[in-house]
Amino acid sequence: MNLEIIGDRMNSLLNRREIEAVVIYESRTPTREEVREEVARKYNMEKERIIVEKMESLFGAKKARAHIHIYSSAEYAKKYERKHILRKHGLLEEVKQTG
């Protein structure tokens, strides 16, 4: 898997870096976890700070477009990201309702 950055901006209001990237792959579309690991390796940081907000495959190509948030800390990620996105990344535990 190869990661090409096509956009990079700092959002100081939300304490995060917002990256637009193209993920180039050989066989199947990589999982969010695999993309997080690649970004963590590329930027030399822990993956708990990285959220893959959106990832969509490009038709007819072995590429996917990804929108990635890199927070200054995992606490900011938990504070600002939507709950279903946090669950997808394993940063928020599912609460079972009884009744």
Protein backbone atom coordinates (compact mmCIF):
# COMPACT_ATOMS: atom_id res chain seq x y z
CA MET A 1 0.00 0.00 0.00
CA ASN A 2 1.19 3.46 -0.90
CA LEU A 3 -0.15 6.71 0.51
CA GLU A 4 -0.05 9.90 -1.59
CA ILE A 5 -0.93 13.13 0.24
CA ILE A 6 -2.92 15.51 -1.97
CA GLY A 7 -4.02 17.99 0.70
CA ASP A 8 -2.78 18.89 4.16
CA ARG A 9 -4.06 21.66 6.41
CA MET A 10 -3.98 22.49 10.09
CA ASN A 11 -7.25 23.11 11.92
CA SER A 12 -6.08 24.80 15.11
CA LEU A 13 -9.62 25.31 16.38
CA LEU A 14 -10.11 21.52 16.70
CA ASN A 15 -6.43 20.73 17.44
CA ARG A 16 -6.09 18.51 14.39
CA ARG A 17 -4.39 18.15 11.06
CA GLU A 18 -6.74 17.32 8.15
CA ILE A 19 -5.25 15.26 5.34
CA GLU A 20 -6.68 14.30 1.96
CA ALA A 21 -4.87 11.30 0.55
CA VAL A 22 -5.00 8.75 -2.23
CA VAL A 23 -4.35 5.19 -1.08
CA ILE A 24 -2.90 2.99 -3.83
CA TYR A 25 -3.17 -0.74 -3.24
CA GLU A 26 -2.50 -4.00 -5.07
CA SER A 27 -5.29 -6.44 -4.24
CA ARG A 28 -8.16 -5.41 -1.95
CA THR A 29 -9.15 -2.09 -0.46
CA PRO A 30 -7.19 -1.66 2.79
CA THR A 31 -9.06 -1.46 6.06
CA ARG A 32 -9.21 1.70 8.17
CA GLU A 33 -6.81 0.01 10.59
CA GLU A 34 -4.24 -0.63 7.85
CA VAL A 35 -4.48 2.97 6.66
CA ARG A 36 -4.06 4.22 10.25
CA GLU A 37 -0.93 2.08 10.64
CA GLU A 38 0.51 3.43 7.39
CA VAL A 39 -0.16 7.05 8.41
CA ALA A 40 1.35 6.38 11.86
CA ARG A 41 4.45 4.94 10.21
CA LYS A 42 4.70 7.82 7.72
CA TYR A 43 4.32 10.56 10.36
CA ASN A 44 6.06 8.65 13.19
CA MET A 45 3.24 8.86 15.76
CA GLU A 46 0.89 6.63 17.71
CA LYS A 47 -2.20 5.48 15.81
CA GLU A 48 -4.62 6.40 18.63
CA ARG A 49 -4.35 10.01 17.42
CA ILE A 50 -5.27 9.09 13.82
CA ILE A 51 -8.87 8.88 12.60
CA VAL A 52 -9.79 7.79 9.06
CA GLU A 53 -12.93 9.89 8.71
CA LYS A 54 -13.92 8.69 5.26
CA MET A 55 -12.53 6.28 2.69
CA GLU A 56 -14.05 5.55 -0.70
CA SER A 57 -12.74 3.42 -3.54
CA LEU A 58 -12.30 5.04 -6.93
CA PHE A 59 -14.16 3.17 -9.66
CA GLY A 60 -11.99 1.20 -12.09
CA ALA A 61 -8.72 1.80 -10.26
CA LYS A 62 -6.90 0.22 -7.38
CA LYS A 63 -7.07 3.48 -5.49
CA ALA A 64 -9.14 4.93 -2.69
CA ARG A 65 -9.56 8.51 -1.54
CA ALA A 66 -9.26 9.03 2.20
CA HIS A 67 -10.02 11.94 4.52
CA ILE A 68 -7.85 11.58 7.63
CA HIS A 69 -7.72 13.55 10.89
CA ILE A 70 -4.56 13.57 13.01
CA TYR A 71 -5.21 15.00 16.47
CA SER A 72 -2.63 16.49 18.81
CA SER A 73 -3.75 13.94 21.43
CA ALA A 74 -6.10 10.95 21.69
CA GLU A 75 -8.24 12.93 24.15
CA TYR A 76 -9.01 15.55 21.49
CA ALA A 77 -9.97 12.78 19.07
CA LYS A 78 -12.42 11.38 21.61
CA LYS A 79 -13.78 14.87 22.29
CA TYR A 80 -14.38 16.04 18.70
CA GLU A 81 -15.08 12.94 16.58
CA ARG A 82 -18.55 11.46 16.17
CA LYS A 83 -19.29 8.44 18.34
CA HIS A 84 -19.87 5.97 15.51
CA ILE A 85 -16.49 6.88 13.97
CA LEU A 86 -14.79 6.35 17.35
CA ARG A 87 -16.46 2.93 17.62
CA LYS A 88 -15.14 1.95 14.18
CA HIS A 89 -11.62 2.76 15.38
CA GLY A 90 -12.00 0.99 18.72
CA LEU A 91 -11.63 4.20 20.72
CA LEU A 92 -15.13 4.07 22.19
CA GLU A 93 -16.68 0.99 23.73
CA GLU A 94 -20.20 -0.05 22.81
CA VAL A 95 -22.67 0.53 25.65
CA LYS A 96 -25.35 -2.16 25.81
CA GLN A 97 -28.74 -0.95 26.91
CA THR A 98 -30.84 -3.17 29.12
CA GLY A 99 -34.51 -2.89 29.54
